[in-house]
C-alpha cells in the first residue's frame, strides 16, 4: 500500500526572494544615512507669537496686566518693565495668577529697565492669568493720582509693563543675551553669537526720555508696547550666527536695548 501526502501552505523555497525592500525600510535607510552624513537630527517645534498686552500706571505701587486669551501649557511668558522719574526701587516682585515663576532675562545694565521670563508655563483660561509687577522703597513712588497730575509731564512717576506669550520655546529657554545703552537714532544691543541654531530673538527697547519715539529694526516685528517709550520686538532665526537687536529712535533720545535669544523647543530626533 502506498500513501501520498500533500504539504499544505508551502511553496518552492527556490522561488522566494532573498529579501524584500519595503518603502518604510528604504525611507529609514536614507534618513539614517543623512544623519550619519551630518544632517541636523533635531526636528523643531514652530515658534510663534501668541498674544500680548501693555499697561502704563501712574497711580500705584503695582501694575497688573492680563492675558485676554487662553494660555497653553509649555509656552513662554515675557514681562518687560520700564519706570520713569523714580530714582530708585529696592524691592521688585513679578508674579501671576496661576503661579508661574519669573526669572531675570539677563542684565539690561539699566536699573530703570528690566526683563523677566517664565518658561514652560501653566495653562490658563481666557482672562484668567494676570501678571502683577510690584515695587517698593522707591524715591519718589507713584501715589494716588490727583486731578492736577498731568501724565504727559516728565516729572510724573510712571511704570510701564508689557507682556508677551510665545509658543514653541524650550524649557531651558535662554540661549544668550546682550544689552547696550546710548543716545542717537541708531539703536543696537551689539552682537552676540548664538549657541543654538533655531532661536527666537526678542529685542526689548526702552527710551530713557519720555515721551520717546522709536520703531523696530530691520527684520524685527513690534509686539505692542507703550508708543516709542518701551516695546518688545522679535524675529526667528534658523542658523547659528551673530545677531543684534536694533531699532530707530528719535535723535535726541537716550535708550537701552537688550537682545534675548530663546531656544526653540526640540520635538525629537529623526535618527532615534
Protein backbone atom coordinates (compact mmCIF):
# COMPACT_ATOMS: atom_id res chain seq x y z
CA UNK A 1 0.00 0.00 0.00
CA UNK A 2 1.30 3.37 -0.88
CA UNK A 3 0.49 6.67 0.79
CA UNK A 4 0.50 10.09 -0.79
CA UNK A 5 1.00 13.23 1.34
CA UNK A 6 0.26 16.80 0.28
CA UNK A 7 2.08 19.59 2.08
CA UNK A 8 -0.37 22.40 2.69
CA UNK A 9 0.59 26.07 2.61
CA UNK A 10 4.08 25.58 1.30
CA UNK A 11 5.77 26.60 -1.89
CA UNK A 12 9.10 26.02 -3.53
CA UNK A 13 11.60 28.00 -1.49
CA UNK A 14 13.67 28.49 -4.57
CA UNK A 15 11.02 30.96 -5.75
CA UNK A 16 11.33 33.22 -2.66
CA UNK A 17 13.34 36.49 -2.87
CA UNK A 18 16.31 36.60 -0.54
CA UNK A 19 14.94 39.86 0.98
CA UNK A 20 12.18 42.35 0.33
CA UNK A 21 12.81 46.14 0.30
CA UNK A 22 9.74 47.85 1.70
CA UNK A 23 9.12 51.59 1.34
CA UNK A 24 9.46 52.19 5.13
CA UNK A 25 12.78 50.34 5.10
CA UNK A 26 14.09 52.45 2.23
CA UNK A 27 12.94 55.67 3.86
CA UNK A 28 14.53 54.71 7.16
CA UNK A 29 17.79 53.82 5.39
CA UNK A 30 18.08 57.24 3.76
CA UNK A 31 17.13 59.08 6.97
CA UNK A 32 19.89 57.33 8.89
CA UNK A 33 22.32 57.89 6.04
CA UNK A 34 21.54 61.61 6.17
CA UNK A 35 22.11 61.64 9.92
CA UNK A 36 25.41 59.82 9.51
CA UNK A 37 26.49 62.43 7.00
CA UNK A 38 25.85 65.22 9.47
CA UNK A 39 22.28 66.35 8.83
CA UNK A 40 20.62 68.02 11.79
CA UNK A 41 18.83 65.29 13.74
CA UNK A 42 16.52 67.57 15.67
CA UNK A 43 13.05 68.49 14.49
CA UNK A 44 11.87 71.82 15.89
CA UNK A 45 8.51 72.99 17.09
CA UNK A 46 7.13 76.06 15.34
CA UNK A 47 7.93 79.23 17.29
CA UNK A 48 5.10 81.75 17.22
CA UNK A 49 3.92 84.91 18.92
CA UNK A 50 0.62 84.16 20.67
CA UNK A 51 -0.59 87.33 22.40
CA UNK A 52 0.44 90.34 24.44
CA UNK A 53 -0.79 93.33 26.42
CA UNK A 54 0.51 96.62 27.87
CA UNK A 55 -0.20 98.96 30.74
CA UNK A 56 1.11 102.35 31.85
CA UNK A 57 0.46 103.08 35.52
CA UNK A 58 0.68 106.45 37.26
CA UNK A 59 -1.24 105.76 40.42
CA UNK A 60 0.01 102.72 42.27
CA UNK A 61 2.98 100.83 43.63
CA UNK A 62 1.98 97.93 41.38
CA UNK A 63 0.65 97.29 37.90
CA UNK A 64 -1.47 94.38 36.67
CA UNK A 65 -1.73 93.22 33.07
CA UNK A 66 -3.98 90.36 31.91
CA UNK A 67 -3.66 87.86 29.08
CA UNK A 68 -7.07 88.09 27.40
CA UNK A 69 -6.89 84.75 25.54
CA UNK A 70 -6.26 81.25 26.85
CA UNK A 71 -2.68 80.30 27.62
CA UNK A 72 -1.26 76.94 26.61
CA UNK A 73 0.84 74.77 28.89
CA UNK A 74 4.53 74.89 27.97
CA UNK A 75 4.52 78.35 26.39
CA UNK A 76 6.85 81.24 27.29
CA UNK A 77 5.82 84.47 29.05
CA UNK A 78 7.92 87.65 28.81
CA UNK A 79 7.48 90.68 31.07
CA UNK A 80 9.14 93.98 30.18
CA UNK A 81 9.26 96.64 32.94
CA UNK A 82 10.22 100.29 32.49
CA UNK A 83 9.98 103.09 35.04
CA UNK A 84 10.32 106.83 34.75
CA UNK A 85 11.00 109.58 37.25
CA UNK A 86 11.80 107.38 40.22
CA UNK A 87 15.42 107.41 41.29
CA UNK A 88 15.47 104.01 42.96
CA UNK A 89 13.49 100.88 43.78
CA UNK A 90 14.92 98.40 46.21
CA UNK A 91 12.27 95.70 46.06
CA UNK A 92 10.56 94.27 42.99
CA UNK A 93 8.34 91.22 42.50
CA UNK A 94 6.84 89.70 39.36
CA UNK A 95 4.05 87.15 39.85
CA UNK A 96 0.96 85.90 38.07
CA UNK A 97 -2.40 84.34 38.91
CA UNK A 98 -1.53 80.73 38.07
CA UNK A 99 1.80 80.52 39.92
CA UNK A 100 4.42 80.67 37.18
CA UNK A 101 7.95 81.56 38.30
CA UNK A 102 9.62 84.56 36.66
CA UNK A 103 13.38 84.98 36.29
CA UNK A 104 15.53 87.87 35.02
CA UNK A 105 16.34 87.55 31.32
CA UNK A 106 19.93 88.70 31.52
CA UNK A 107 21.03 92.17 32.62
CA UNK A 108 19.98 95.30 30.76
CA UNK A 109 22.58 97.40 32.59
CA UNK A 110 19.86 99.96 33.37
CA UNK A 111 18.19 99.91 36.80
CA UNK A 112 15.09 101.54 35.32
CA UNK A 113 14.56 98.79 32.75
CA UNK A 114 14.12 95.06 33.41
CA UNK A 115 13.01 91.98 31.51
CA UNK A 116 11.69 88.79 33.11
CA UNK A 117 10.53 85.46 31.66
CA UNK A 118 8.66 82.32 32.69
CA UNK A 119 9.30 79.18 30.63
CA UNK A 120 7.12 76.07 30.40
CA UNK A 121 4.13 77.98 31.79
CA UNK A 122 0.97 76.52 33.30
CA UNK A 123 -2.26 76.66 31.28
CA UNK A 124 -4.86 79.34 31.91
CA UNK A 125 -8.39 80.01 30.68
CA UNK A 126 -9.13 83.22 28.74
CA UNK A 127 -8.66 86.23 31.01
CA UNK A 128 -7.62 84.03 33.94
CA UNK A 129 -3.93 84.91 34.12
CA UNK A 130 -2.94 88.36 35.35
CA UNK A 131 0.70 89.41 35.70
CA UNK A 132 1.42 91.66 38.70
CA UNK A 133 4.51 93.84 39.00
CA UNK A 134 5.04 95.36 42.45
CA UNK A 135 7.82 97.63 43.61
CA UNK A 136 8.60 99.36 46.90
CA UNK A 137 11.21 101.54 48.60
CA UNK A 138 11.13 103.86 45.61
CA UNK A 139 12.04 107.52 45.58
CA UNK A 140 9.70 109.04 44.62
CA UNK A 141 6.93 106.44 44.40
CA UNK A 142 3.78 106.80 42.33
CA UNK A 143 0.99 107.92 44.63
CA UNK A 144 -2.77 108.04 44.26
CA UNK A 145 -3.28 110.12 41.18
CA UNK A 146 -4.91 113.51 41.75
CA UNK A 147 -6.76 115.62 39.23
CA UNK A 148 -3.88 118.08 38.87
CA UNK A 149 -1.29 115.47 37.77
CA UNK A 150 -0.63 115.58 34.05
CA UNK A 151 0.53 112.17 32.76
CA UNK A 152 2.46 113.88 29.96
CA UNK A 153 4.72 115.82 32.33
CA UNK A 154 8.20 114.40 32.60
CA UNK A 155 8.33 114.58 36.39
CA UNK A 156 5.30 112.30 36.88
CA UNK A 157 6.43 108.85 38.16
CA UNK A 158 5.34 106.14 35.73
CA UNK A 159 5.50 102.38 35.43
CA UNK A 160 5.20 100.68 32.01
CA UNK A 161 4.61 96.91 31.82
CA UNK A 162 4.49 94.98 28.53
CA UNK A 163 3.77 91.25 28.42
CA UNK A 164 4.02 88.72 25.59
CA UNK A 165 3.41 84.99 25.16
CA UNK A 166 5.24 82.74 22.69
CA UNK A 167 4.82 79.08 21.78
CA UNK A 168 7.47 76.56 20.74
CA UNK A 169 10.18 77.58 23.24
CA UNK A 170 12.36 75.09 25.12
CA UNK A 171 12.22 74.66 28.89
CA UNK A 172 15.89 75.70 29.13
CA UNK A 173 14.74 78.83 27.40
CA UNK A 174 17.56 81.38 27.34
CA UNK A 175 20.36 80.81 24.86
CA UNK A 176 22.34 84.10 25.06
CA UNK A 177 21.74 87.77 25.92
CA UNK A 178 23.41 91.10 25.27
CA UNK A 179 22.46 94.70 26.07
CA UNK A 180 23.68 98.23 25.45
CA UNK A 181 22.73 101.85 26.19
CA UNK A 182 23.39 105.00 24.20
CA UNK A 183 21.96 108.09 22.52
CA UNK A 184 21.05 108.97 18.98
CA UNK A 185 18.94 107.50 16.22
CA UNK A 186 20.81 104.23 15.68
CA UNK A 187 19.94 101.73 18.41
CA UNK A 188 21.79 98.42 18.77
CA UNK A 189 22.36 95.90 21.52
CA UNK A 190 25.67 94.96 19.96
CA UNK A 191 26.31 91.49 18.52
CA UNK A 192 26.15 88.17 20.31
CA UNK A 193 26.78 84.69 18.89
CA UNK A 194 24.02 82.15 19.38
CA UNK A 195 24.83 78.62 20.51
CA UNK A 196 21.56 77.14 19.26
CA UNK A 197 20.63 77.08 15.58
CA UNK A 198 16.90 77.67 15.97
CA UNK A 199 16.24 80.69 18.19
CA UNK A 200 13.59 83.29 18.86
CA UNK A 201 15.29 86.68 19.04
CA UNK A 202 13.48 89.11 21.33
CA UNK A 203 14.53 92.73 21.44
CA UNK A 204 13.40 94.76 24.46
CA UNK A 205 13.63 98.52 23.85
CA UNK A 206 13.46 101.35 26.39
CA UNK A 207 13.69 105.09 25.78
CA UNK A 208 15.30 106.90 28.70
CA UNK A 209 13.48 110.08 27.64
CA UNK A 210 9.72 110.46 27.99
CA UNK A 211 7.96 110.78 25.64
CA UNK A 212 10.08 108.87 23.14
CA UNK A 213 9.77 107.86 19.52
CA UNK A 214 11.18 104.62 18.15
CA UNK A 215 10.42 101.84 15.68
CA UNK A 216 11.72 98.25 15.41
CA UNK A 217 14.90 97.50 13.48
CA UNK A 218 15.14 95.70 10.14
CA UNK A 219 13.75 92.17 10.26
CA UNK A 220 12.02 92.68 13.61
CA UNK A 221 8.26 92.81 14.25
CA UNK A 222 6.83 95.01 17.01
CA UNK A 223 4.69 93.20 19.59
CA UNK A 224 2.92 96.01 21.32
CA UNK A 225 4.19 98.40 23.93
CA UNK A 226 3.81 101.95 25.07
CA UNK A 227 4.32 104.00 21.92
CA UNK A 228 8.01 104.74 21.45
CA UNK A 229 8.94 104.52 25.14
CA UNK A 230 9.14 100.75 25.62
CA UNK A 231 8.26 97.86 23.34
CA UNK A 232 9.05 94.24 22.51
CA UNK A 233 10.18 93.18 19.03
CA UNK A 234 11.02 89.73 17.70
CA UNK A 235 12.17 87.59 14.81
CA UNK A 236 13.14 83.93 14.40
CA UNK A 237 16.41 82.56 13.02
CA UNK A 238 17.31 79.07 11.81
CA UNK A 239 21.10 79.06 11.87
CA UNK A 240 23.97 79.80 14.19
CA UNK A 241 25.28 83.32 13.84
CA UNK A 242 26.00 86.72 15.33
CA UNK A 243 22.84 88.76 15.93
CA UNK A 244 21.82 92.12 17.37
CA UNK A 245 18.57 93.75 18.46
CA UNK A 246 18.15 97.06 16.65
CA UNK A 247 15.72 99.96 16.45
CA UNK A 248 15.42 103.50 15.14
CA UNK A 249 15.00 106.19 17.79
CA UNK A 250 14.43 109.93 17.73
CA UNK A 251 17.87 111.50 17.59
CA UNK A 252 17.73 113.24 20.96
CA UNK A 253 16.58 110.23 22.95
CA UNK A 254 18.71 108.14 25.23
CA UNK A 255 17.98 104.42 25.03
CA UNK A 256 18.65 100.93 26.35
CA UNK A 257 18.02 97.78 24.32
CA UNK A 258 18.52 94.12 25.20
CA UNK A 259 18.58 91.08 22.95
CA UNK A 260 17.43 87.79 24.49
CA UNK A 261 17.78 84.70 22.29
CA UNK A 262 15.38 81.92 23.32
CA UNK A 263 15.88 78.32 22.20
CA UNK A 264 13.23 76.65 20.06
CA UNK A 265 11.74 73.51 21.55
CA UNK A 266 13.04 70.22 20.15
CA UNK A 267 10.37 67.68 19.19
CA UNK A 268 12.75 64.73 18.90
CA UNK A 269 15.39 63.21 16.67
CA UNK A 270 14.70 61.70 13.25
CA UNK A 271 17.67 59.38 13.88
CA UNK A 272 16.29 57.78 17.05
